[in-house]
Amino acid sequence: MSQGPLMPKATAVWLVENTSLAFEQIADFCKLHPLEVKGIADGEVAAGIKGLDPITTGQLTRDEIEKAQKSPNYRLKVAVSKVKLPEVKRTTKGPRYTPLSRRQDRPNAILWLLRNHPELKDAQVIRLVGTTKSTIQQIRERTHWNSSSLQPMDPVTLGLCTQIDLDFEVQRAAKDRPAAAAGEAGASLLPAEVSTAEPEAEFDDRRPAGREERLDADSVFAKLKGMRRTDEDDDEA
């Protein structure tokens, strides 16, 4: 559905008074009912409204009107404006504007951010919920006038910021944090080859150091012969 002209009734009055367009054509262009256009022509509707020339306002061209007057089935089209308005760039400077209905929830949102994302800087919290540095300091030090009643609440749920803005600030804060020192990393798991290795045999302190004594068959028999001679001497005695 095409967009209608500005001030449709005033435009319809001018078209009725200055052209021979059909009521259906004027009604279609001005987004009015054909009977309403007929009432304008009869003086029963829009009495006292001054006609607005759509040609001077750039909404219609004279060629478009002449083309429609020659063909009753032709539908008028709004002229495309040749003037391009510059885009309004969103500024990121200054605190975010917070609606009045949401301002009472800001301390709860600040408390949530301080507890769940302590890495955020005060400037980042200000951008997210539109507060002041003194308020953040009071909530952090529990000197805020309403500290006893504050409850941590997600600023995204409260509508104070979007999840995209929150994630962006958290990621930025994570990049700015220094890398953790090796000693602060805590205990780590042992390698698999260490944890799955078989326990070593216990060391016997009573065993003399050096090469283990090797048993020899000849030395054993020599000891047995010596013991037998001793027994024979005892019997003769």
Protein backbone atom coordinates (compact mmCIF):
# COMPACT_ATOMS: atom_id res chain seq x y z
CA MET A 1 0.00 0.00 0.00
CA SER A 2 1.47 3.31 -1.11
CA GLN A 3 1.87 6.19 1.28
CA GLY A 4 -0.71 8.95 1.09
CA PRO A 5 0.01 12.68 0.82
CA LEU A 6 0.43 15.10 3.70
CA MET A 7 -2.83 16.73 4.78
CA PRO A 8 -5.00 14.40 2.67
CA LYS A 9 -8.28 16.31 3.03
CA ALA A 10 -6.69 19.64 2.06
CA THR A 11 -5.06 17.93 -0.93
CA ALA A 12 -8.42 16.38 -1.92
CA VAL A 13 -10.08 19.81 -1.75
CA TRP A 14 -7.50 21.24 -4.15
CA LEU A 15 -7.79 18.29 -6.57
CA VAL A 16 -11.59 18.55 -6.60
CA GLU A 17 -11.47 22.29 -7.26
CA ASN A 18 -8.61 22.38 -9.80
CA THR A 19 -8.71 19.10 -11.73
CA SER A 20 -11.20 16.84 -13.51
CA LEU A 21 -10.04 13.69 -11.79
CA ALA A 22 -12.63 11.08 -10.87
CA PHE A 23 -13.69 10.77 -7.24
CA GLU A 24 -12.20 7.26 -7.13
CA GLN A 25 -8.81 8.56 -8.32
CA ILE A 26 -8.74 11.33 -5.72
CA ALA A 27 -9.93 8.96 -3.00
CA ASP A 28 -7.24 6.41 -3.90
CA PHE A 29 -4.48 9.01 -3.87
CA CYS A 30 -5.61 10.74 -0.65
CA LYS A 31 -6.56 7.48 1.12
CA LEU A 32 -10.15 8.60 1.61
CA HIS A 33 -13.51 7.00 0.85
CA PRO A 34 -15.06 7.94 -2.55
CA LEU A 35 -18.22 9.11 -0.79
CA GLU A 36 -16.10 11.42 1.35
CA VAL A 37 -14.58 12.93 -1.79
CA LYS A 38 -18.09 13.33 -3.21
CA GLY A 39 -19.10 15.12 -0.01
CA ILE A 40 -16.13 17.49 -0.50
CA ALA A 41 -17.34 18.25 -4.01
CA ASP A 42 -20.88 18.86 -2.69
CA GLY A 43 -19.58 21.14 0.07
CA GLU A 44 -20.84 18.84 2.83
CA VAL A 45 -17.40 17.65 3.96
CA ALA A 46 -14.23 19.61 4.77
CA ALA A 47 -16.07 22.91 4.87
CA GLY A 48 -13.65 25.74 5.65
CA ILE A 49 -10.54 23.68 4.76
CA LYS A 50 -8.23 25.49 2.37
CA GLY A 51 -6.94 23.40 -0.51
CA LEU A 52 -3.27 22.38 -0.52
CA ASP A 53 -1.53 22.27 -3.89
CA PRO A 54 0.30 18.91 -4.12
CA ILE A 55 2.40 20.20 -7.03
CA THR A 56 4.03 23.00 -5.02
CA THR A 57 4.63 20.64 -2.09
CA GLY A 58 6.37 18.14 -4.41
CA GLN A 59 3.84 15.35 -3.86
CA LEU A 60 2.54 15.31 -7.43
CA THR A 61 3.73 16.42 -10.84
CA ARG A 62 1.61 18.17 -13.43
CA ASP A 63 2.36 15.42 -15.93
CA GLU A 64 1.04 12.83 -13.47
CA ILE A 65 -2.23 14.74 -13.07
CA GLU A 66 -2.68 15.15 -16.85
CA LYS A 67 -2.00 11.47 -17.38
CA ALA A 68 -4.65 10.54 -14.81
CA GLN A 69 -7.20 12.95 -16.29
CA LYS A 70 -6.88 11.23 -19.67
CA SER A 71 -7.32 7.72 -18.23
CA PRO A 72 -10.00 7.31 -15.49
CA ASN A 73 -8.54 3.90 -14.52
CA TYR A 74 -5.06 5.34 -13.86
CA ARG A 75 -4.01 5.63 -10.24
CA LEU A 76 -1.95 8.60 -9.11
CA LYS A 77 1.46 7.95 -7.58
CA VAL A 78 3.20 10.10 -5.01
CA ALA A 79 6.27 11.79 -6.45
CA VAL A 80 9.61 10.68 -5.02
CA SER A 81 11.30 13.52 -3.21
CA LYS A 82 14.65 14.51 -4.71
CA VAL A 83 15.83 16.05 -1.45
CA LYS A 84 17.65 13.51 0.73
CA LEU A 85 17.73 14.25 4.40
CA PRO A 86 20.97 13.40 6.20
CA GLU A 87 20.92 10.41 8.51
CA VAL A 88 20.73 11.13 12.19
CA LYS A 89 23.78 9.51 13.75
CA ARG A 90 23.38 8.06 17.17
CA THR A 91 25.71 9.62 19.67
CA THR A 92 27.38 7.46 22.29
CA LYS A 93 28.67 10.33 24.40
CA GLY A 94 27.15 10.93 27.77
CA PRO A 95 25.02 8.63 29.92
CA ARG A 96 22.21 6.63 28.41
CA TYR A 97 18.77 8.18 28.76
CA THR A 98 16.55 6.20 31.10
CA PRO A 99 12.73 6.60 31.11
CA LEU A 100 11.20 7.92 34.30
CA SER A 101 9.37 4.66 34.91
CA ARG A 102 12.67 2.76 34.94
CA ARG A 103 14.87 5.11 36.95
CA GLN A 104 13.87 3.58 40.26
CA ASP A 105 15.28 0.24 39.08
CA ARG A 106 18.74 1.58 38.28
CA PRO A 107 20.25 0.94 41.77
CA ASN A 108 19.14 -2.71 41.56
CA ALA A 109 20.72 -3.01 38.12
CA ILE A 110 23.96 -1.41 39.36
CA LEU A 111 24.12 -3.88 42.24
CA TRP A 112 23.64 -6.76 39.79
CA LEU A 113 26.45 -5.51 37.57
CA LEU A 114 28.82 -5.02 40.50
CA ARG A 115 28.20 -8.56 41.76
CA ASN A 116 28.15 -10.45 38.47
CA HIS A 117 30.64 -8.39 36.46
CA PRO A 118 33.11 -6.75 38.87
CA GLU A 119 35.53 -6.33 35.97
CA LEU A 120 33.36 -3.57 34.48
CA LYS A 121 34.65 -0.05 34.95
CA ASP A 122 32.46 2.73 36.31
CA ALA A 123 32.31 4.37 32.89
CA GLN A 124 30.96 1.15 31.39
CA VAL A 125 28.26 0.84 34.06
CA ILE A 126 27.30 4.46 33.39
CA ARG A 127 26.91 3.73 29.68
CA LEU A 128 24.78 0.67 30.35
CA VAL A 129 22.25 1.99 32.86
CA GLY A 130 22.65 5.78 32.65
CA THR A 131 23.75 6.50 36.21
CA THR A 132 26.46 8.58 37.89
CA LYS A 133 29.83 7.65 39.34
CA SER A 134 28.84 8.80 42.83
CA THR A 135 25.81 6.49 42.82
CA ILE A 136 27.97 3.54 41.80
CA GLN A 137 30.44 4.32 44.60
CA GLN A 138 27.64 4.56 47.17
CA ILE A 139 26.19 1.20 46.16
CA ARG A 140 29.64 -0.42 46.16
CA GLU A 141 30.41 0.92 49.66
CA ARG A 142 26.84 0.28 50.93
CA THR A 143 26.34 3.94 51.78
CA HIS A 144 23.38 4.38 49.45
CA TRP A 145 20.27 5.66 51.21
CA ASN A 146 18.31 2.56 50.12
CA SER A 147 21.04 -0.06 50.48
CA SER A 148 19.02 -2.27 52.82
CA SER A 149 16.22 -2.67 50.27
CA LEU A 150 18.26 -3.14 47.10
CA GLN A 151 17.92 -6.41 45.20
CA PRO A 152 20.28 -7.33 42.31
CA MET A 153 18.31 -7.37 39.05
CA ASP A 154 19.47 -7.95 35.49
CA PRO A 155 19.51 -4.61 33.59
CA VAL A 156 18.52 -6.42 30.38
CA THR A 157 15.38 -7.79 32.05
CA LEU A 158 14.61 -4.34 33.40
CA GLY A 159 14.91 -2.84 29.92
CA LEU A 160 17.76 -0.51 30.87
CA CYS A 161 20.10 -1.92 28.20
CA THR A 162 20.18 -4.62 25.56
CA GLN A 163 21.95 -7.96 25.80
CA ILE A 164 24.17 -6.92 22.88
CA ASP A 165 25.34 -3.79 24.75
CA LEU A 166 26.01 -5.80 27.91
CA ASP A 167 27.99 -8.49 26.08
CA PHE A 168 30.01 -5.82 24.28
CA GLU A 169 31.03 -4.08 27.51
CA VAL A 170 31.86 -7.40 29.22
CA GLN A 171 34.06 -8.46 26.31
CA ARG A 172 35.81 -5.10 26.29
CA ALA A 173 36.47 -5.37 30.04
CA ALA A 174 37.83 -8.90 29.59
CA LYS A 175 40.32 -7.68 26.98
CA ASP A 176 41.52 -4.91 29.29
CA ARG A 177 42.16 -7.27 32.23
CA PRO A 178 45.81 -8.30 32.70
CA ALA A 179 46.70 -11.94 32.21
CA ALA A 180 46.65 -13.98 35.41
CA ALA A 181 50.05 -14.81 36.90
CA ALA A 182 51.25 -18.38 36.83
CA GLY A 183 51.20 -18.64 40.63
CA GLU A 184 47.57 -17.51 40.78
CA ALA A 185 46.40 -20.24 38.46
CA GLY A 186 46.09 -22.78 41.34
CA ALA A 187 46.81 -26.48 41.38
CA SER A 188 46.70 -28.32 38.10
CA LEU A 189 46.02 -31.98 37.27
CA LEU A 190 48.93 -34.39 37.00
CA PRO A 191 49.83 -35.76 33.56
CA ALA A 192 48.22 -39.04 32.58
CA GLU A 193 51.54 -40.88 32.40
CA VAL A 194 52.24 -39.94 36.03
CA SER A 195 48.80 -40.74 37.45
CA THR A 196 48.57 -44.13 35.66
CA ALA A 197 52.14 -45.33 36.40
CA GLU A 198 52.61 -48.40 38.64
CA PRO A 199 53.91 -47.69 42.15
CA GLU A 200 57.60 -48.34 42.62
CA ALA A 201 58.85 -51.02 45.03
CA GLU A 202 59.61 -49.80 48.52
CA PHE A 203 63.27 -49.31 49.30
CA ASP A 204 64.62 -51.55 52.04
CA ASP A 205 66.99 -49.62 54.29
CA ARG A 206 68.33 -52.84 55.81
CA ARG A 207 69.72 -54.07 52.50
CA PRO A 208 73.37 -53.01 52.05
CA ALA A 209 74.17 -50.65 49.27
CA GLY A 210 75.94 -51.90 46.18
CA ARG A 211 75.50 -54.85 43.94
CA GLU A 212 73.23 -57.57 45.23
CA GLU A 213 74.90 -60.70 46.39
CA ARG A 214 74.76 -63.41 43.76
CA LEU A 215 74.16 -66.92 44.96
CA ASP A 216 76.67 -69.56 43.69
CA ALA A 217 76.14 -73.36 43.82
CA ASP A 218 79.82 -74.06 44.71
CA SER A 219 79.79 -71.73 47.70
CA VAL A 220 76.62 -73.39 49.00
CA PHE A 221 78.14 -76.88 48.79
CA ALA A 222 81.35 -75.63 50.45
CA LYS A 223 79.33 -74.36 53.40
CA LEU A 224 77.48 -77.67 53.68
CA LYS A 225 80.80 -79.63 53.73
CA GLY A 226 82.16 -77.36 56.39
CA MET A 227 79.10 -77.94 58.57
CA ARG A 228 79.40 -81.76 58.08
CA ARG A 229 83.08 -81.81 59.22
CA THR A 230 82.19 -79.89 62.31
CA ASP A 231 79.52 -82.42 63.20
CA GLU A 232 81.96 -85.36 62.72
CA ASP A 233 84.59 -83.77 64.98
CA ASP A 234 82.01 -83.36 67.69
CA ASP A 235 81.03 -87.07 67.47
CA GLU A 236 84.67 -88.27 67.80
CA ALA A 237 85.22 -86.13 70.79
